[in-house]
Amino acid sequence: MNTCMILAAGRGERLRPLTDTLPKVLIPIGGKPLIVHHLEKLAAANIQHVVINVAHLGEQIIHAVQQVHLPTLTIEFSPEPPGAYETAGGIIHALPLLGTQPFAIVNGDVWTDFPYQRLHQSITDLAHLIVVDNPSFHLQGDFNLHGSKLSRESIAGKHPYTFSGLGIYHPDLFAHRSTTRLPLSVLFEQYCPLQKISGEHYTGAWFNIGTVEQLDQAQTYWQTH
């Protein structure tokens, strides 16, 4: 596995008005745009092919990425129309660029110290997702973990783990689906009961940059570590 897609087409509604003029993935953490953090970590992990989907203010993202000097990376863009295709829809739209082998996916609006070298691991399931402890803004969680398999079974109406936005996917997860607005959660709901999605729990630093408060938390962590 030597390909990674960065999901960067989101509008960032909860970060308005900041994201009215600046794409969410260009928001700086420690003085460096989020997407540059991702690209540098991917290059350091020897992942050589990167696909980035763009929609809202996509020209800014393309321009910023083209200024980044990481010669080991081959970067391609997957433009989407206004409103974008959601997470799974964006991946389906980009499948011609992603190839026939498993590939990594990284949400562009997270910051984490997860070692991207682990995105190289081979998988036997349709997907392998990195999950984290539930953050304060998402206490209901997304998944339960039974051994290496993820489930959507809840405990007292809650799940102990939240999807980090990082994972490895086999193209077969998206087989026979046309490009449309489709969230990944729909596929997780379909395939988790069939035990076709595995996962691992990561306990290191992870921040979802979805609100100004979450952005401030990430900035504080960066400054103090």
C-alpha atoms as a PDB file:
ATOM      1  CA  MET A   1       0.000   0.000   0.000  1.00  0.00           C
ATOM      2  CA  ASN A   2       1.651   3.199  -1.169  1.00  0.00           C
ATOM      3  CA  THR A   3      -1.276   5.538  -1.830  1.00  0.00           C
ATOM      4  CA  CYS A   4      -3.131   7.866   0.523  1.00  0.00           C
ATOM      5  CA  MET A   5      -6.091  10.129  -0.078  1.00  0.00           C
ATOM      6  CA  ILE A   6      -6.520  13.270   1.998  1.00  0.00           C
ATOM      7  CA  LEU A   7     -10.152  14.304   2.356  1.00  0.00           C
ATOM      8  CA  ALA A   8     -10.072  18.074   1.947  1.00  0.00           C
ATOM      9  CA  ALA A   9     -13.349  19.010   0.252  1.00  0.00           C
ATOM     10  CA  GLY A  10     -15.376  19.888   3.349  1.00  0.00           C
ATOM     11  CA  ARG A  11     -16.954  23.297   3.875  1.00  0.00           C
ATOM     12  CA  GLY A  12     -16.111  23.635   7.583  1.00  0.00           C
ATOM     13  CA  GLU A  13     -19.451  25.155   8.578  1.00  0.00           C
ATOM     14  CA  ARG A  14     -18.746  25.115  12.316  1.00  0.00           C
ATOM     15  CA  LEU A  15     -15.543  27.105  11.808  1.00  0.00           C
ATOM     16  CA  ARG A  16     -17.238  29.989  10.025  1.00  0.00           C
ATOM     17  CA  PRO A  17     -16.486  32.830   9.457  1.00  0.00           C
ATOM     18  CA  LEU A  18     -12.868  31.631   9.366  1.00  0.00           C
ATOM     19  CA  THR A  19     -13.649  29.092   6.657  1.00  0.00           C
ATOM     20  CA  ASP A  20     -15.599  31.590   4.548  1.00  0.00           C
ATOM     21  CA  THR A  21     -12.280  32.691   3.098  1.00  0.00           C
ATOM     22  CA  LEU A  22      -9.844  29.940   4.149  1.00  0.00           C
ATOM     23  CA  PRO A  23     -10.250  26.207   3.469  1.00  0.00           C
ATOM     24  CA  LYS A  24     -10.293  24.178   6.679  1.00  0.00           C
ATOM     25  CA  VAL A  25      -7.195  22.194   5.682  1.00  0.00           C
ATOM     26  CA  LEU A  26      -5.196  25.425   5.330  1.00  0.00           C
ATOM     27  CA  ILE A  27      -5.854  26.465   8.935  1.00  0.00           C
ATOM     28  CA  PRO A  28      -2.435  26.615  10.609  1.00  0.00           C
ATOM     29  CA  ILE A  29      -1.422  24.472  13.570  1.00  0.00           C
ATOM     30  CA  GLY A  30       1.895  25.592  14.977  1.00  0.00           C
ATOM     31  CA  GLY A  31       2.266  28.024  12.084  1.00  0.00           C
ATOM     32  CA  LYS A  32       1.872  25.307   9.437  1.00  0.00           C
ATOM     33  CA  PRO A  33      -1.307  24.473   7.467  1.00  0.00           C
ATOM     34  CA  LEU A  34      -3.001  21.254   8.504  1.00  0.00           C
ATOM     35  CA  ILE A  35      -2.571  19.718   5.075  1.00  0.00           C
ATOM     36  CA  VAL A  36       1.170  20.376   5.138  1.00  0.00           C
ATOM     37  CA  HIS A  37       1.431  18.448   8.412  1.00  0.00           C
ATOM     38  CA  HIS A  38      -0.239  15.520   6.653  1.00  0.00           C
ATOM     39  CA  LEU A  39       1.934  15.722   3.543  1.00  0.00           C
ATOM     40  CA  GLU A  40       5.163  15.865   5.550  1.00  0.00           C
ATOM     41  CA  LYS A  41       4.140  12.878   7.658  1.00  0.00           C
ATOM     42  CA  LEU A  42       3.152  10.887   4.587  1.00  0.00           C
ATOM     43  CA  ALA A  43       6.472  11.641   2.921  1.00  0.00           C
ATOM     44  CA  ALA A  44       8.348  10.635   6.084  1.00  0.00           C
ATOM     45  CA  ALA A  45       6.361   7.378   6.106  1.00  0.00           C
ATOM     46  CA  ASN A  46       7.494   6.663   2.537  1.00  0.00           C
ATOM     47  CA  ILE A  47       3.997   6.908   1.109  1.00  0.00           C
ATOM     48  CA  GLN A  48       4.654   8.236  -2.372  1.00  0.00           C
ATOM     49  CA  HIS A  49       1.270   8.803  -4.035  1.00  0.00           C
ATOM     50  CA  VAL A  50      -1.239  11.263  -2.570  1.00  0.00           C
ATOM     51  CA  VAL A  51      -4.691  12.135  -3.900  1.00  0.00           C
ATOM     52  CA  ILE A  52      -6.464  15.209  -2.505  1.00  0.00           C
ATOM     53  CA  ASN A  53     -10.134  15.937  -3.154  1.00  0.00           C
ATOM     54  CA  VAL A  54     -11.093  19.601  -3.314  1.00  0.00           C
ATOM     55  CA  ALA A  55     -14.317  21.583  -3.551  1.00  0.00           C
ATOM     56  CA  HIS A  56     -14.822  24.649  -1.306  1.00  0.00           C
ATOM     57  CA  LEU A  57     -12.055  27.159  -2.093  1.00  0.00           C
ATOM     58  CA  GLY A  58     -10.236  24.327  -3.816  1.00  0.00           C
ATOM     59  CA  GLU A  59      -8.013  26.644  -5.834  1.00  0.00           C
ATOM     60  CA  GLN A  60      -6.418  27.849  -2.597  1.00  0.00           C
ATOM     61  CA  ILE A  61      -5.659  24.272  -1.554  1.00  0.00           C
ATOM     62  CA  ILE A  62      -4.145  23.410  -4.922  1.00  0.00           C
ATOM     63  CA  HIS A  63      -1.984  26.538  -4.887  1.00  0.00           C
ATOM     64  CA  ALA A  64      -0.792  25.944  -1.311  1.00  0.00           C
ATOM     65  CA  VAL A  65       0.071  22.302  -1.975  1.00  0.00           C
ATOM     66  CA  GLN A  66       1.979  23.205  -5.121  1.00  0.00           C
ATOM     67  CA  GLN A  67       4.263  25.405  -2.990  1.00  0.00           C
ATOM     68  CA  VAL A  68       5.243  22.459  -0.783  1.00  0.00           C
ATOM     69  CA  HIS A  69       8.620  20.943  -1.694  1.00  0.00           C
ATOM     70  CA  LEU A  70       8.362  17.219  -1.020  1.00  0.00           C
ATOM     71  CA  PRO A  71       9.976  15.604  -4.075  1.00  0.00           C
ATOM     72  CA  THR A  72       9.197  12.024  -3.030  1.00  0.00           C
ATOM     73  CA  LEU A  73       5.450  12.701  -3.248  1.00  0.00           C
ATOM     74  CA  THR A  74       3.380  12.478  -6.415  1.00  0.00           C
ATOM     75  CA  ILE A  75       0.239  14.531  -5.739  1.00  0.00           C
ATOM     76  CA  GLU A  76      -2.979  14.482  -7.749  1.00  0.00           C
ATOM     77  CA  PHE A  77      -6.200  16.398  -7.177  1.00  0.00           C
ATOM     78  CA  SER A  78      -9.779  15.162  -7.438  1.00  0.00           C
ATOM     79  CA  PRO A  79     -12.076  18.172  -7.958  1.00  0.00           C
ATOM     80  CA  GLU A  80     -15.673  17.949  -6.791  1.00  0.00           C
ATOM     81  CA  PRO A  81     -18.643  20.238  -7.449  1.00  0.00           C
ATOM     82  CA  PRO A  82     -19.951  22.778  -4.921  1.00  0.00           C
ATOM     83  CA  GLY A  83     -21.315  20.947  -1.906  1.00  0.00           C
ATOM     84  CA  ALA A  84     -18.883  18.063  -2.519  1.00  0.00           C
ATOM     85  CA  TYR A  85     -19.690  14.359  -2.410  1.00  0.00           C
ATOM     86  CA  GLU A  86     -19.313  13.600   1.320  1.00  0.00           C
ATOM     87  CA  THR A  87     -16.619  11.199   2.543  1.00  0.00           C
ATOM     88  CA  ALA A  88     -17.457   7.929   0.767  1.00  0.00           C
ATOM     89  CA  GLY A  89     -18.739   9.764  -2.304  1.00  0.00           C
ATOM     90  CA  GLY A  90     -15.472  11.648  -2.620  1.00  0.00           C
ATOM     91  CA  ILE A  91     -13.497   8.411  -2.397  1.00  0.00           C
ATOM     92  CA  ILE A  92     -15.697   6.721  -5.012  1.00  0.00           C
ATOM     93  CA  HIS A  93     -15.217   9.704  -7.326  1.00  0.00           C
ATOM     94  CA  ALA A  94     -11.429   9.419  -6.901  1.00  0.00           C
ATOM     95  CA  LEU A  95     -11.191   5.625  -7.344  1.00  0.00           C
ATOM     96  CA  PRO A  96      -9.684   5.927 -10.857  1.00  0.00           C
ATOM     97  CA  LEU A  97      -6.739   7.736  -9.244  1.00  0.00           C
ATOM     98  CA  LEU A  98      -6.444   5.389  -6.251  1.00  0.00           C
ATOM     99  CA  GLY A  99      -5.789   2.134  -8.067  1.00  0.00           C
ATOM    100  CA  THR A 100      -6.808  -1.450  -7.372  1.00  0.00           C
ATOM    101  CA  GLN A 101      -4.831  -2.070  -4.189  1.00  0.00           C
ATOM    102  CA  PRO A 102      -5.726  -1.007  -0.606  1.00  0.00           C
ATOM    103  CA  PHE A 103      -5.081   2.663   0.116  1.00  0.00           C
ATOM    104  CA  ALA A 104      -4.987   4.898   3.178  1.00  0.00           C
ATOM    105  CA  ILE A 105      -7.452   7.687   3.875  1.00  0.00           C
ATOM    106  CA  VAL A 106      -6.730  10.646   6.154  1.00  0.00           C
ATOM    107  CA  ASN A 107      -9.311  13.271   7.067  1.00  0.00           C
ATOM    108  CA  GLY A 108      -7.705  16.597   6.300  1.00  0.00           C
ATOM    109  CA  ASP A 109      -9.264  18.288   9.324  1.00  0.00           C
ATOM    110  CA  VAL A 110      -7.562  16.218  12.039  1.00  0.00           C
ATOM    111  CA  TRP A 111      -4.195  16.614  13.693  1.00  0.00           C
ATOM    112  CA  THR A 112      -2.588  13.631  15.362  1.00  0.00           C
ATOM    113  CA  ASP A 113       0.774  12.175  16.280  1.00  0.00           C
ATOM    114  CA  PHE A 114      -0.324   8.759  15.012  1.00  0.00           C
ATOM    115  CA  PRO A 115       2.667   7.195  13.206  1.00  0.00           C
ATOM    116  CA  TYR A 116       1.718   7.255   9.547  1.00  0.00           C
ATOM    117  CA  GLN A 117       4.129   4.369   8.907  1.00  0.00           C
ATOM    118  CA  ARG A 118       1.346   2.167  10.316  1.00  0.00           C
ATOM    119  CA  LEU A 119      -0.836   3.158   7.371  1.00  0.00           C
ATOM    120  CA  HIS A 120       1.397   0.837   5.344  1.00  0.00           C
ATOM    121  CA  GLN A 121       0.053  -2.301   7.015  1.00  0.00           C
ATOM    122  CA  SER A 122      -1.663  -4.902   4.862  1.00  0.00           C
ATOM    123  CA  ILE A 123      -5.326  -5.676   5.479  1.00  0.00           C
ATOM    124  CA  THR A 124      -7.522  -8.712   4.916  1.00  0.00           C
ATOM    125  CA  ASP A 125     -10.817  -6.914   5.645  1.00  0.00           C
ATOM    126  CA  LEU A 126     -12.646  -4.325   3.568  1.00  0.00           C
ATOM    127  CA  ALA A 127     -11.355  -1.590   5.868  1.00  0.00           C
ATOM    128  CA  HIS A 128      -9.128  -1.107   8.896  1.00  0.00           C
ATOM    129  CA  LEU A 129      -9.955   1.974  10.970  1.00  0.00           C
ATOM    130  CA  ILE A 130      -8.027   3.803  13.673  1.00  0.00           C
ATOM    131  CA  VAL A 131     -10.269   4.640  16.628  1.00  0.00           C
ATOM    132  CA  VAL A 132      -9.636   6.860  19.650  1.00  0.00           C
ATOM    133  CA  ASP A 133     -11.229   7.416  23.041  1.00  0.00           C
ATOM    134  CA  ASN A 134     -14.390   9.470  22.787  1.00  0.00           C
ATOM    135  CA  PRO A 135     -13.648  13.214  22.929  1.00  0.00           C
ATOM    136  CA  SER A 136     -15.804  15.518  25.020  1.00  0.00           C
ATOM    137  CA  PHE A 137     -17.765  16.691  21.966  1.00  0.00           C
ATOM    138  CA  HIS A 138     -18.676  13.157  20.844  1.00  0.00           C
ATOM    139  CA  LEU A 139     -19.342  11.160  24.003  1.00  0.00           C
ATOM    140  CA  GLN A 140     -21.741   8.764  22.265  1.00  0.00           C
ATOM    141  CA  GLY A 141     -18.870   7.457  20.133  1.00  0.00           C
ATOM    142  CA  ASP A 142     -18.995   5.485  16.891  1.00  0.00           C
ATOM    143  CA  PHE A 143     -17.738   1.938  17.472  1.00  0.00           C
ATOM    144  CA  ASN A 144     -17.155  -0.924  19.832  1.00  0.00           C
ATOM    145  CA  LEU A 145     -14.061  -3.106  19.414  1.00  0.00           C
ATOM    146  CA  HIS A 146     -14.249  -6.885  19.790  1.00  0.00           C
ATOM    147  CA  GLY A 147     -10.755  -8.240  19.348  1.00  0.00           C
ATOM    148  CA  SER A 148      -9.684  -6.851  16.006  1.00  0.00           C
ATOM    149  CA  LYS A 149     -13.215  -6.337  14.644  1.00  0.00           C
ATOM    150  CA  LEU A 150     -15.242  -3.149  14.884  1.00  0.00           C
ATOM    151  CA  SER A 151     -18.935  -3.257  15.677  1.00  0.00           C
ATOM    152  CA  ARG A 152     -21.736  -0.746  16.005  1.00  0.00           C
ATOM    153  CA  GLU A 153     -23.082  -2.419  19.154  1.00  0.00           C
ATOM    154  CA  SER A 154     -23.645   0.150  21.878  1.00  0.00           C
ATOM    155  CA  ILE A 155     -23.327  -0.069  25.644  1.00  0.00           C
ATOM    156  CA  ALA A 156     -26.161   1.807  27.375  1.00  0.00           C
ATOM    157  CA  GLY A 157     -26.692   3.717  24.140  1.00  0.00           C
ATOM    158  CA  LYS A 158     -23.039   4.658  23.720  1.00  0.00           C
ATOM    159  CA  HIS A 159     -19.970   3.323  21.958  1.00  0.00           C
ATOM    160  CA  PRO A 160     -16.554   3.491  23.671  1.00  0.00           C
ATOM    161  CA  TYR A 161     -14.554   4.617  20.642  1.00  0.00           C
ATOM    162  CA  THR A 162     -14.668   7.399  18.048  1.00  0.00           C
ATOM    163  CA  PHE A 163     -13.456   7.081  14.472  1.00  0.00           C
ATOM    164  CA  SER A 164     -10.259   9.093  14.101  1.00  0.00           C
ATOM    165  CA  GLY A 165     -10.619   9.808  10.393  1.00  0.00           C
ATOM    166  CA  LEU A 166      -7.596   7.610   9.602  1.00  0.00           C
ATOM    167  CA  GLY A 167      -7.905   4.225   7.977  1.00  0.00           C
ATOM    168  CA  ILE A 168      -6.926   1.771   5.281  1.00  0.00           C
ATOM    169  CA  TYR A 169      -9.508   0.738   2.692  1.00  0.00           C
ATOM    170  CA  HIS A 170      -9.834  -1.938   0.053  1.00  0.00           C
ATOM    171  CA  PRO A 171     -11.429  -0.698  -3.185  1.00  0.00           C
ATOM    172  CA  ASP A 172     -13.982  -3.514  -2.896  1.00  0.00           C
ATOM    173  CA  LEU A 173     -15.620  -1.567  -0.051  1.00  0.00           C
ATOM    174  CA  PHE A 174     -16.844   0.869  -2.702  1.00  0.00           C
ATOM    175  CA  ALA A 175     -17.621  -1.640  -5.455  1.00  0.00           C
ATOM    176  CA  HIS A 176     -20.745  -1.189  -7.560  1.00  0.00           C
ATOM    177  CA  ARG A 177     -21.464   2.267  -6.178  1.00  0.00           C
ATOM    178  CA  SER A 178     -21.763   5.353  -8.340  1.00  0.00           C
ATOM    179  CA  THR A 179     -20.516   8.778  -7.380  1.00  0.00           C
ATOM    180  CA  THR A 180     -23.094  10.519  -5.213  1.00  0.00           C
ATOM    181  CA  ARG A 181     -23.272  12.240  -1.845  1.00  0.00           C
ATOM    182  CA  LEU A 182     -22.544   9.353   0.505  1.00  0.00           C
ATOM    183  CA  PRO A 183     -20.971   9.340   3.996  1.00  0.00           C
ATOM    184  CA  LEU A 184     -18.631   6.558   5.046  1.00  0.00           C
ATOM    185  CA  SER A 185     -20.914   5.843   8.001  1.00  0.00           C
ATOM    186  CA  VAL A 186     -23.414   4.209   5.634  1.00  0.00           C
ATOM    187  CA  LEU A 187     -20.793   1.668   4.569  1.00  0.00           C
ATOM    188  CA  PHE A 188     -19.675   1.104   8.159  1.00  0.00           C
ATOM    189  CA  GLU A 189     -23.269   0.344   9.141  1.00  0.00           C
ATOM    190  CA  GLN A 190     -23.513  -2.151   6.283  1.00  0.00           C
ATOM    191  CA  TYR A 191     -20.258  -4.051   6.771  1.00  0.00           C
ATOM    192  CA  CYS A 192     -19.573  -3.965  10.520  1.00  0.00           C
ATOM    193  CA  PRO A 193     -22.331  -6.556  11.233  1.00  0.00           C
ATOM    194  CA  LEU A 194     -20.649  -8.798   8.643  1.00  0.00           C
ATOM    195  CA  GLN A 195     -17.326  -8.483  10.565  1.00  0.00           C
ATOM    196  CA  LYS A 196     -15.608  -7.107   7.495  1.00  0.00           C
ATOM    197  CA  ILE A 197     -14.158  -4.008   9.163  1.00  0.00           C
ATOM    198  CA  SER A 198     -11.245  -4.251  11.584  1.00  0.00           C
ATOM    199  CA  GLY A 199      -9.824  -1.595  13.848  1.00  0.00           C
ATOM    200  CA  GLU A 200      -7.179  -0.577  16.327  1.00  0.00           C
ATOM    201  CA  HIS A 201      -7.330   1.731  19.328  1.00  0.00           C
ATOM    202  CA  TYR A 202      -4.865   4.630  19.371  1.00  0.00           C
ATOM    203  CA  THR A 203      -4.207   6.430  22.656  1.00  0.00           C
ATOM    204  CA  GLY A 204      -1.871   9.194  21.485  1.00  0.00           C
ATOM    205  CA  ALA A 205      -2.646  12.810  20.631  1.00  0.00           C
ATOM    206  CA  TRP A 206      -5.604  13.355  18.316  1.00  0.00           C
ATOM    207  CA  PHE A 207      -7.624  16.486  17.584  1.00  0.00           C
ATOM    208  CA  ASN A 208     -10.576  17.008  15.284  1.00  0.00           C
ATOM    209  CA  ILE A 209     -10.399  20.603  14.047  1.00  0.00           C
ATOM    210  CA  GLY A 210     -14.137  21.159  13.758  1.00  0.00           C
ATOM    211  CA  THR A 211     -14.778  24.200  15.939  1.00  0.00           C
ATOM    212  CA  VAL A 212     -12.814  27.201  17.194  1.00  0.00           C
ATOM    213  CA  GLU A 213     -12.591  25.562  20.618  1.00  0.00           C
ATOM    214  CA  GLN A 214     -11.117  22.390  19.138  1.00  0.00           C
ATOM    215  CA  LEU A 215      -8.676  24.456  17.094  1.00  0.00           C
ATOM    216  CA  ASP A 216      -7.566  26.256  20.256  1.00  0.00           C
ATOM    217  CA  GLN A 217      -7.045  22.912  22.025  1.00  0.00           C
ATOM    218  CA  ALA A 218      -4.850  21.655  19.193  1.00  0.00           C
ATOM    219  CA  GLN A 219      -2.829  24.871  19.160  1.00  0.00           C
ATOM    220  CA  THR A 220      -2.287  24.660  22.915  1.00  0.00           C
ATOM    221  CA  TYR A 221      -1.135  21.047  22.649  1.00  0.00           C
ATOM    222  CA  TRP A 222       1.273  21.941  19.851  1.00  0.00           C
ATOM    223  CA  GLN A 223       2.778  24.779  21.861  1.00  0.00           C
ATOM    224  CA  THR A 224       3.295  22.680  24.990  1.00  0.00           C
ATOM    225  CA  HIS A 225       4.679  19.473  23.524  1.00  0.00           C
END
